């Protein structure tokens, strides 16, 4: 996400992670701290357990400082998660 949007570490204000209830091994924030986000406020939460929803899914919401327009930012959907939002540009 950082590379695709040409973001610098100092652009990031905070990050919220949500996971589906079937992911219980570790907190996504632990992984983020491991790659250098230890000085960024990080929050983990659980998604609502909706029957039939996509399993093993992690969502990430990054709050950042930027002068770029929303249209210039690119969302990242990996593997099957691409089917969650077919309305967004590639």
PDB file of N, CA and C in Angstrom:
ATOM      1  N   UNK A   1       0.828  -1.186   0.000  1.00  0.00           N
ATOM      2  CA  UNK A   1       0.000   0.000   0.000  1.00  0.00           C
ATOM      3  C   UNK A   1       0.872   1.248   0.000  1.00  0.00           C
ATOM      4  N   UNK A   2       1.913   1.207   0.806  1.00  0.00           N
ATOM      5  CA  UNK A   2       2.814   2.357   0.877  1.00  0.00           C
ATOM      6  C   UNK A   2       3.488   2.590  -0.470  1.00  0.00           C
ATOM      7  N   UNK A   3       4.026   1.536  -1.061  1.00  0.00           N
ATOM      8  CA  UNK A   3       4.715   1.669  -2.350  1.00  0.00           C
ATOM      9  C   UNK A   3       3.762   2.085  -3.457  1.00  0.00           C
ATOM     10  N   UNK A   4       2.608   1.437  -3.520  1.00  0.00           N
ATOM     11  CA  UNK A   4       1.657   1.721  -4.601  1.00  0.00           C
ATOM     12  C   UNK A   4       1.214   3.181  -4.586  1.00  0.00           C
ATOM     13  N   UNK A   5       1.173   3.791  -3.408  1.00  0.00           N
ATOM     14  CA  UNK A   5       0.727   5.176  -3.284  1.00  0.00           C
ATOM     15  C   UNK A   5       1.870   6.154  -3.043  1.00  0.00           C
ATOM     16  N   UNK A   6       3.103   5.652  -3.156  1.00  0.00           N
ATOM     17  CA  UNK A   6       4.297   6.486  -2.983  1.00  0.00           C
ATOM     18  C   UNK A   6       4.241   7.274  -1.680  1.00  0.00           C
ATOM     19  N   UNK A   7       3.932   6.572  -0.594  1.00  0.00           N
ATOM     20  CA  UNK A   7       3.829   7.200   0.721  1.00  0.00           C
ATOM     21  C   UNK A   7       5.126   7.042   1.492  1.00  0.00           C
ATOM     22  N   UNK A   8       5.445   8.042   2.267  1.00  0.00           N
ATOM     23  CA  UNK A   8       6.576   7.980   3.190  1.00  0.00           C
ATOM     24  C   UNK A   8       6.045   7.658   4.586  1.00  0.00           C
ATOM     25  N   UNK A   9       6.887   7.100   5.404  1.00  0.00           N
ATOM     26  CA  UNK A   9       6.502   6.737   6.770  1.00  0.00           C
ATOM     27  C   UNK A   9       5.877   7.926   7.508  1.00  0.00           C
ATOM     28  N   UNK A  10       6.452   9.100   7.345  1.00  0.00           N
ATOM     29  CA  UNK A  10       5.956  10.284   8.061  1.00  0.00           C
ATOM     30  C   UNK A  10       4.601  10.779   7.544  1.00  0.00           C
ATOM     31  N   UNK A  11       4.124  10.260   6.418  1.00  0.00           N
ATOM     32  CA  UNK A  11       2.797  10.611   5.917  1.00  0.00           C
ATOM     33  C   UNK A  11       1.690   9.937   6.733  1.00  0.00           C
ATOM     34  N   UNK A  12       2.014   8.826   7.383  1.00  0.00           N
ATOM     35  CA  UNK A  12       1.014   8.019   8.085  1.00  0.00           C
ATOM     36  C   UNK A  12       0.727   8.599   9.463  1.00  0.00           C
ATOM     37  N   UNK A  13      -0.556   8.867   9.724  1.00  0.00           N
ATOM     38  CA  UNK A  13      -1.002   9.396  11.015  1.00  0.00           C
ATOM     39  C   UNK A  13      -1.381   8.253  11.949  1.00  0.00           C
ATOM     40  N   UNK A  14      -2.189   7.311  11.463  1.00  0.00           N
ATOM     41  CA  UNK A  14      -2.615   6.162  12.253  1.00  0.00           C
ATOM     42  C   UNK A  14      -3.167   5.096  11.311  1.00  0.00           C
ATOM     43  N   UNK A  15      -3.318   3.881  11.852  1.00  0.00           N
ATOM     44  CA  UNK A  15      -3.801   2.766  11.048  1.00  0.00           C
ATOM     45  C   UNK A  15      -4.794   1.951  11.876  1.00  0.00           C
ATOM     46  N   UNK A  16      -5.910   1.574  11.252  1.00  0.00           N
ATOM     47  CA  UNK A  16      -6.885   0.686  11.874  1.00  0.00           C
ATOM     48  C   UNK A  16      -6.912  -0.608  11.064  1.00  0.00           C
ATOM     49  N   UNK A  17      -6.784  -1.724  11.757  1.00  0.00           N
ATOM     50  CA  UNK A  17      -6.868  -3.053  11.152  1.00  0.00           C
ATOM     51  C   UNK A  17      -8.137  -3.722  11.648  1.00  0.00           C
ATOM     52  N   UNK A  18      -8.862  -4.390  10.754  1.00  0.00           N
ATOM     53  CA  UNK A  18      -9.935  -5.267  11.181  1.00  0.00           C
ATOM     54  C   UNK A  18      -9.669  -6.644  10.581  1.00  0.00           C
ATOM     55  N   UNK A  19     -10.071  -7.676  11.307  1.00  0.00           N
ATOM     56  CA  UNK A  19      -9.915  -9.037  10.826  1.00  0.00           C
ATOM     57  C   UNK A  19     -11.237  -9.778  10.987  1.00  0.00           C
ATOM     58  N   UNK A  20     -11.440 -10.767  10.135  1.00  0.00           N
ATOM     59  CA  UNK A  20     -12.600 -11.626  10.308  1.00  0.00           C
ATOM     60  C   UNK A  20     -12.367 -12.477  11.562  1.00  0.00           C
ATOM     61  N   UNK A  21     -13.441 -12.928  12.209  1.00  0.00           N
ATOM     62  CA  UNK A  21     -13.309 -13.655  13.470  1.00  0.00           C
ATOM     63  C   UNK A  21     -12.504 -14.950  13.390  1.00  0.00           C
ATOM     64  N   UNK A  22     -12.270 -15.486  12.188  1.00  0.00           N
ATOM     65  CA  UNK A  22     -11.506 -16.728  12.060  1.00  0.00           C
ATOM     66  C   UNK A  22      -9.995 -16.520  12.116  1.00  0.00           C
ATOM     67  N   UNK A  23      -9.539 -15.286  12.170  1.00  0.00           N
ATOM     68  CA  UNK A  23      -8.105 -14.989  12.297  1.00  0.00           C
ATOM     69  C   UNK A  23      -7.788 -14.667  13.752  1.00  0.00           C
ATOM     70  N   UNK A  24      -7.070 -15.571  14.408  1.00  0.00           N
ATOM     71  CA  UNK A  24      -6.831 -15.411  15.847  1.00  0.00           C
ATOM     72  C   UNK A  24      -5.383 -15.643  16.260  1.00  0.00           C
ATOM     73  N   UNK A  25      -4.472 -15.829  15.316  1.00  0.00           N
ATOM     74  CA  UNK A  25      -3.092 -16.182  15.662  1.00  0.00           C
ATOM     75  C   UNK A  25      -2.291 -15.023  16.231  1.00  0.00           C
ATOM     76  N   UNK A  26      -2.497 -13.834  15.683  1.00  0.00           N
ATOM     77  CA  UNK A  26      -1.745 -12.666  16.152  1.00  0.00           C
ATOM     78  C   UNK A  26      -2.483 -11.402  15.732  1.00  0.00           C
ATOM     79  N   UNK A  27      -2.077 -10.291  16.286  1.00  0.00           N
ATOM     80  CA  UNK A  27      -2.655  -8.997  15.917  1.00  0.00           C
ATOM     81  C   UNK A  27      -1.941  -8.451  14.679  1.00  0.00           C
ATOM     82  N   UNK A  28      -2.670  -7.935  13.701  1.00  0.00           N
ATOM     83  CA  UNK A  28      -2.008  -7.311  12.550  1.00  0.00           C
ATOM     84  C   UNK A  28      -1.080  -6.165  12.968  1.00  0.00           C
ATOM     85  N   UNK A  29      -1.420  -5.470  14.026  1.00  0.00           N
ATOM     86  CA  UNK A  29      -0.559  -4.371  14.492  1.00  0.00           C
ATOM     87  C   UNK A  29       0.816  -4.879  14.910  1.00  0.00           C
ATOM     88  N   UNK A  30       0.894  -6.101  15.401  1.00  0.00           N
ATOM     89  CA  UNK A  30       2.187  -6.683  15.763  1.00  0.00           C
ATOM     90  C   UNK A  30       3.077  -6.787  14.532  1.00  0.00           C
ATOM     91  N   UNK A  31       2.513  -7.237  13.419  1.00  0.00           N
ATOM     92  CA  UNK A  31       3.275  -7.316  12.165  1.00  0.00           C
ATOM     93  C   UNK A  31       3.680  -5.925  11.697  1.00  0.00           C
ATOM     94  N   UNK A  32       2.777  -4.955  11.811  1.00  0.00           N
ATOM     95  CA  UNK A  32       3.084  -3.583  11.383  1.00  0.00           C
ATOM     96  C   UNK A  32       4.226  -3.001  12.216  1.00  0.00           C
ATOM     97  N   UNK A  33       4.213  -3.264  13.507  1.00  0.00           N
ATOM     98  CA  UNK A  33       5.321  -2.791  14.343  1.00  0.00           C
ATOM     99  C   UNK A  33       6.636  -3.429  13.906  1.00  0.00           C
ATOM    100  N   UNK A  34       6.558  -4.688  13.491  1.00  0.00           N
ATOM    101  CA  UNK A  34       7.748  -5.407  13.057  1.00  0.00           C
ATOM    102  C   UNK A  34       8.381  -4.857  11.792  1.00  0.00           C
ATOM    103  N   UNK A  35       7.606  -4.119  10.987  1.00  0.00           N
ATOM    104  CA  UNK A  35       8.179  -3.528   9.768  1.00  0.00           C
ATOM    105  C   UNK A  35       8.384  -2.018   9.910  1.00  0.00           C
ATOM    106  N   UNK A  36       8.395  -1.535  11.155  1.00  0.00           N
ATOM    107  CA  UNK A  36       8.781  -0.148  11.384  1.00  0.00           C
ATOM    108  C   UNK A  36       7.686   0.823  11.751  1.00  0.00           C
ATOM    109  N   UNK A  37       6.486   0.346  12.036  1.00  0.00           N
ATOM    110  CA  UNK A  37       5.395   1.249  12.389  1.00  0.00           C
ATOM    111  C   UNK A  37       5.180   1.352  13.894  1.00  0.00           C
ATOM    112  N   UNK A  38       6.221   1.119  14.665  1.00  0.00           N
ATOM    113  CA  UNK A  38       6.117   1.174  16.115  1.00  0.00           C
ATOM    114  C   UNK A  38       5.786   2.544  16.663  1.00  0.00           C
ATOM    115  N   UNK A  39       6.067   3.586  15.912  1.00  0.00           N
ATOM    116  CA  UNK A  39       5.792   4.951  16.384  1.00  0.00           C
ATOM    117  C   UNK A  39       4.473   5.509  15.850  1.00  0.00           C
ATOM    118  N   UNK A  40       3.689   4.657  15.172  1.00  0.00           N
ATOM    119  CA  UNK A  40       2.403   5.057  14.603  1.00  0.00           C
ATOM    120  C   UNK A  40       1.282   4.444  15.442  1.00  0.00           C
ATOM    121  N   UNK A  41       0.256   5.212  15.830  1.00  0.00           N
ATOM    122  CA  UNK A  41      -0.875   4.617  16.551  1.00  0.00           C
ATOM    123  C   UNK A  41      -1.561   3.550  15.689  1.00  0.00           C
ATOM    124  N   UNK A  42      -1.706   2.361  16.245  1.00  0.00           N
ATOM    125  CA  UNK A  42      -2.285   1.223  15.536  1.00  0.00           C
ATOM    126  C   UNK A  42      -3.431   0.660  16.368  1.00  0.00           C
ATOM    127  N   UNK A  43      -4.517   0.283  15.709  1.00  0.00           N
ATOM    128  CA  UNK A  43      -5.683  -0.264  16.403  1.00  0.00           C
ATOM    129  C   UNK A  43      -6.172  -1.488  15.652  1.00  0.00           C
ATOM    130  N   UNK A  44      -6.481  -2.558  16.391  1.00  0.00           N
ATOM    131  CA  UNK A  44      -7.050  -3.766  15.803  1.00  0.00           C
ATOM    132  C   UNK A  44      -8.475  -3.945  16.308  1.00  0.00           C
ATOM    133  N   UNK A  45      -9.333  -4.452  15.423  1.00  0.00           N
ATOM    134  CA  UNK A  45     -10.725  -4.728  15.784  1.00  0.00           C
ATOM    135  C   UNK A  45     -11.184  -5.932  14.977  1.00  0.00           C
ATOM    136  N   UNK A  46     -12.318  -6.493  15.383  1.00  0.00           N
ATOM    137  CA  UNK A  46     -12.873  -7.646  14.697  1.00  0.00           C
ATOM    138  C   UNK A  46     -14.046  -7.219  13.824  1.00  0.00           C
ATOM    139  N   UNK A  47     -14.116  -7.801  12.627  1.00  0.00           N
ATOM    140  CA  UNK A  47     -15.256  -7.575  11.737  1.00  0.00           C
ATOM    141  C   UNK A  47     -16.494  -8.260  12.311  1.00  0.00           C
ATOM    142  N   UNK A  48     -17.651  -7.833  11.909  1.00  0.00           N
ATOM    143  CA  UNK A  48     -18.901  -8.480  12.272  1.00  0.00           C
ATOM    144  C   UNK A  48     -18.932  -9.856  11.605  1.00  0.00           C
ATOM    145  N   UNK A  49     -19.347 -10.876  12.337  1.00  0.00           N
ATOM    146  CA  UNK A  49     -19.379 -12.244  11.821  1.00  0.00           C
ATOM    147  C   UNK A  49     -20.660 -12.464  11.014  1.00  0.00           C
ATOM    148  N   UNK A  50     -20.661 -11.982   9.791  1.00  0.00           N
ATOM    149  CA  UNK A  50     -21.830 -12.081   8.914  1.00  0.00           C
ATOM    150  C   UNK A  50     -21.794 -13.423   8.179  1.00  0.00           C
ATOM    151  N   UNK A  51     -22.860 -14.206   8.242  1.00  0.00           N
ATOM    152  CA  UNK A  51     -22.885 -15.480   7.529  1.00  0.00           C
ATOM    153  C   UNK A  51     -22.617 -15.285   6.030  1.00  0.00           C
ATOM    154  N   UNK A  52     -21.721 -16.109   5.481  1.00  0.00           N
ATOM    155  CA  UNK A  52     -21.398 -16.045   4.062  1.00  0.00           C
ATOM    156  C   UNK A  52     -20.360 -15.009   3.683  1.00  0.00           C
ATOM    157  N   UNK A  53     -19.850 -14.252   4.653  1.00  0.00           N
ATOM    158  CA  UNK A  53     -18.851 -13.235   4.309  1.00  0.00           C
ATOM    159  C   UNK A  53     -17.499 -13.887   4.022  1.00  0.00           C
ATOM    160  N   UNK A  54     -16.614 -13.132   3.398  1.00  0.00           N
ATOM    161  CA  UNK A  54     -15.304 -13.639   3.021  1.00  0.00           C
ATOM    162  C   UNK A  54     -14.495 -14.013   4.264  1.00  0.00           C
ATOM    163  N   UNK A  55     -13.987 -15.244   4.323  1.00  0.00           N
ATOM    164  CA  UNK A  55     -13.184 -15.654   5.468  1.00  0.00           C
ATOM    165  C   UNK A  55     -11.739 -15.163   5.356  1.00  0.00           C
ATOM    166  N   UNK A  56     -11.041 -15.194   6.475  1.00  0.00           N
ATOM    167  CA  UNK A  56      -9.605 -14.888   6.537  1.00  0.00           C
ATOM    168  C   UNK A  56      -9.270 -13.591   5.812  1.00  0.00           C
ATOM    169  N   UNK A  57      -9.952 -12.546   6.193  1.00  0.00           N
ATOM    170  CA  UNK A  57      -9.787 -11.253   5.536  1.00  0.00           C
ATOM    171  C   UNK A  57      -9.290 -10.211   6.539  1.00  0.00           C
ATOM    172  N   UNK A  58      -8.287  -9.465   6.153  1.00  0.00           N
ATOM    173  CA  UNK A  58      -7.768  -8.349   6.950  1.00  0.00           C
ATOM    174  C   UNK A  58      -8.027  -7.081   6.158  1.00  0.00           C
ATOM    175  N   UNK A  59      -8.645  -6.116   6.801  1.00  0.00           N
ATOM    176  CA  UNK A  59      -8.863  -4.809   6.171  1.00  0.00           C
ATOM    177  C   UNK A  59      -7.974  -3.794   6.887  1.00  0.00           C
ATOM    178  N   UNK A  60      -7.481  -2.848   6.120  1.00  0.00           N
ATOM    179  CA  UNK A  60      -6.567  -1.845   6.669  1.00  0.00           C
ATOM    180  C   UNK A  60      -7.047  -0.468   6.240  1.00  0.00           C
ATOM    181  N   UNK A  61      -7.230   0.408   7.215  1.00  0.00           N
ATOM    182  CA  UNK A  61      -7.607   1.793   6.952  1.00  0.00           C
ATOM    183  C   UNK A  61      -6.460   2.675   7.433  1.00  0.00           C
ATOM    184  N   UNK A  62      -5.819   3.360   6.506  1.00  0.00           N
ATOM    185  CA  UNK A  62      -4.671   4.206   6.819  1.00  0.00           C
ATOM    186  C   UNK A  62      -5.105   5.665   6.782  1.00  0.00           C
ATOM    187  N   UNK A  63      -4.846   6.377   7.851  1.00  0.00           N
ATOM    188  CA  UNK A  63      -5.071   7.828   7.884  1.00  0.00           C
ATOM    189  C   UNK A  63      -3.730   8.482   7.595  1.00  0.00           C
ATOM    190  N   UNK A  64      -3.719   9.424   6.648  1.00  0.00           N
ATOM    191  CA  UNK A  64      -2.442  10.017   6.272  1.00  0.00           C
ATOM    192  C   UNK A  64      -2.570  11.478   5.894  1.00  0.00           C
ATOM    193  N   UNK A  65      -1.428  12.127   5.903  1.00  0.00           N
ATOM    194  CA  UNK A  65      -1.324  13.491   5.405  1.00  0.00           C
ATOM    195  C   UNK A  65      -0.944  13.422   3.940  1.00  0.00           C
ATOM    196  N   UNK A  66      -1.672  14.162   3.094  1.00  0.00           N
ATOM    197  CA  UNK A  66      -1.318  14.220   1.683  1.00  0.00           C
ATOM    198  C   UNK A  66      -1.978  15.445   1.054  1.00  0.00           C
ATOM    199  N   UNK A  67      -1.340  15.930   0.013  1.00  0.00           N
ATOM    200  CA  UNK A  67      -1.943  17.013  -0.767  1.00  0.00           C
ATOM    201  C   UNK A  67      -2.584  16.458  -2.032  1.00  0.00           C
ATOM    202  N   UNK A  68      -2.436  15.150  -2.259  1.00  0.00           N
ATOM    203  CA  UNK A  68      -2.999  14.517  -3.448  1.00  0.00           C
ATOM    204  C   UNK A  68      -4.505  14.358  -3.296  1.00  0.00           C
ATOM    205  N   UNK A  69      -5.186  14.335  -4.421  1.00  0.00           N
ATOM    206  CA  UNK A  69      -6.635  14.155  -4.397  1.00  0.00           C
ATOM    207  C   UNK A  69      -6.968  12.689  -4.114  1.00  0.00           C
ATOM    208  N   UNK A  70      -8.176  12.436  -3.681  1.00  0.00           N
ATOM    209  CA  UNK A  70      -8.625  11.073  -3.410  1.00  0.00           C
ATOM    210  C   UNK A  70      -8.533  10.209  -4.675  1.00  0.00           C
ATOM    211  N   UNK A  71      -8.768  10.814  -5.833  1.00  0.00           N
ATOM    212  CA  UNK A  71      -8.682  10.078  -7.099  1.00  0.00           C
ATOM    213  C   UNK A  71      -7.266   9.610  -7.420  1.00  0.00           C
ATOM    214  N   UNK A  72      -6.262  10.251  -6.833  1.00  0.00           N
ATOM    215  CA  UNK A  72      -4.866   9.878  -7.083  1.00  0.00           C
ATOM    216  C   UNK A  72      -4.386   8.747  -6.185  1.00  0.00           C
ATOM    217  N   UNK A  73      -5.155   8.403  -5.162  1.00  0.00           N
ATOM    218  CA  UNK A  73      -4.771   7.332  -4.246  1.00  0.00           C
ATOM    219  C   UNK A  73      -5.318   6.004  -4.759  1.00  0.00           C
ATOM    220  N   UNK A  74      -4.555   4.941  -4.604  1.00  0.00           N
ATOM    221  CA  UNK A  74      -4.922   3.625  -5.126  1.00  0.00           C
ATOM    222  C   UNK A  74      -5.134   2.636  -3.990  1.00  0.00           C
ATOM    223  N   UNK A  75      -6.320   2.033  -3.967  1.00  0.00           N
ATOM    224  CA  UNK A  75      -6.639   1.000  -2.994  1.00  0.00           C
ATOM    225  C   UNK A  75      -5.938  -0.290  -3.402  1.00  0.00           C
ATOM    226  N   UNK A  76      -5.647  -1.129  -2.424  1.00  0.00           N
ATOM    227  CA  UNK A  76      -4.971  -2.385  -2.688  1.00  0.00           C
ATOM    228  C   UNK A  76      -5.861  -3.528  -2.210  1.00  0.00           C
ATOM    229  N   UNK A  77      -6.203  -4.424  -3.132  1.00  0.00           N
ATOM    230  CA  UNK A  77      -7.005  -5.615  -2.826  1.00  0.00           C
ATOM    231  C   UNK A  77      -6.225  -6.820  -3.324  1.00  0.00           C
ATOM    232  N   UNK A  78      -5.857  -7.706  -2.424  1.00  0.00           N
ATOM    233  CA  UNK A  78      -5.068  -8.873  -2.785  1.00  0.00           C
ATOM    234  C   UNK A  78      -5.949 -10.114  -2.928  1.00  0.00           C
ATOM    235  N   UNK A  79      -5.564 -10.973  -3.824  1.00  0.00           N
ATOM    236  CA  UNK A  79      -6.217 -12.263  -4.050  1.00  0.00           C
ATOM    237  C   UNK A  79      -7.733 -12.132  -4.140  1.00  0.00           C
ATOM    238  N   UNK A  80      -8.479 -12.920  -3.403  1.00  0.00           N
ATOM    239  CA  UNK A  80      -9.942 -12.924  -3.512  1.00  0.00           C
ATOM    240  C   UNK A  80     -10.590 -11.624  -3.048  1.00  0.00           C
ATOM    241  N   UNK A  81      -9.874 -10.823  -2.289  1.00  0.00           N
ATOM    242  CA  UNK A  81     -10.438  -9.556  -1.814  1.00  0.00           C
ATOM    243  C   UNK A  81     -10.728  -8.596  -2.960  1.00  0.00           C
ATOM    244  N   UNK A  82     -10.147  -8.820  -4.118  1.00  0.00           N
ATOM    245  CA  UNK A  82     -10.428  -7.967  -5.272  1.00  0.00           C
ATOM    246  C   UNK A  82     -11.907  -7.951  -5.607  1.00  0.00           C
ATOM    247  N   UNK A  83     -12.606  -9.045  -5.306  1.00  0.00           N
ATOM    248  CA  UNK A  83     -14.034  -9.132  -5.582  1.00  0.00           C
ATOM    249  C   UNK A  83     -14.893  -8.310  -4.644  1.00  0.00           C
ATOM    250  N   UNK A  84     -14.303  -7.783  -3.576  1.00  0.00           N
ATOM    251  CA  UNK A  84     -15.077  -6.985  -2.630  1.00  0.00           C
ATOM    252  C   UNK A  84     -15.479  -5.631  -3.199  1.00  0.00           C
ATOM    253  N   UNK A  85     -14.642  -5.066  -4.074  1.00  0.00           N
ATOM    254  CA  UNK A  85     -14.902  -3.736  -4.612  1.00  0.00           C
ATOM    255  C   UNK A  85     -14.588  -3.694  -6.091  1.00  0.00           C
ATOM    256  N   UNK A  86     -15.542  -4.052  -6.917  1.00  0.00           N
ATOM    257  CA  UNK A  86     -15.305  -3.993  -8.350  1.00  0.00           C
ATOM    258  C   UNK A  86     -15.568  -2.610  -8.939  1.00  0.00           C
ATOM    259  N   UNK A  87     -15.950  -1.665  -8.070  1.00  0.00           N
ATOM    260  CA  UNK A  87     -16.243  -0.315  -8.529  1.00  0.00           C
ATOM    261  C   UNK A  87     -15.030   0.613  -8.486  1.00  0.00           C
ATOM    262  N   UNK A  88     -13.911   0.150  -7.952  1.00  0.00           N
ATOM    263  CA  UNK A  88     -12.726   0.993  -7.842  1.00  0.00           C
ATOM    264  C   UNK A  88     -11.785   0.772  -9.016  1.00  0.00           C
ATOM    265  N   UNK A  89     -11.022   1.807  -9.409  1.00  0.00           N
ATOM    266  CA  UNK A  89     -10.068   1.629 -10.511  1.00  0.00           C
ATOM    267  C   UNK A  89      -8.943   0.688 -10.088  1.00  0.00           C
ATOM    268  N   UNK A  90      -8.315   0.097 -11.057  1.00  0.00           N
ATOM    269  CA  UNK A  90      -7.213  -0.870 -10.825  1.00  0.00           C
ATOM    270  C   UNK A  90      -6.060  -0.235 -10.116  1.00  0.00           C
TER     271      UNK A  90
END
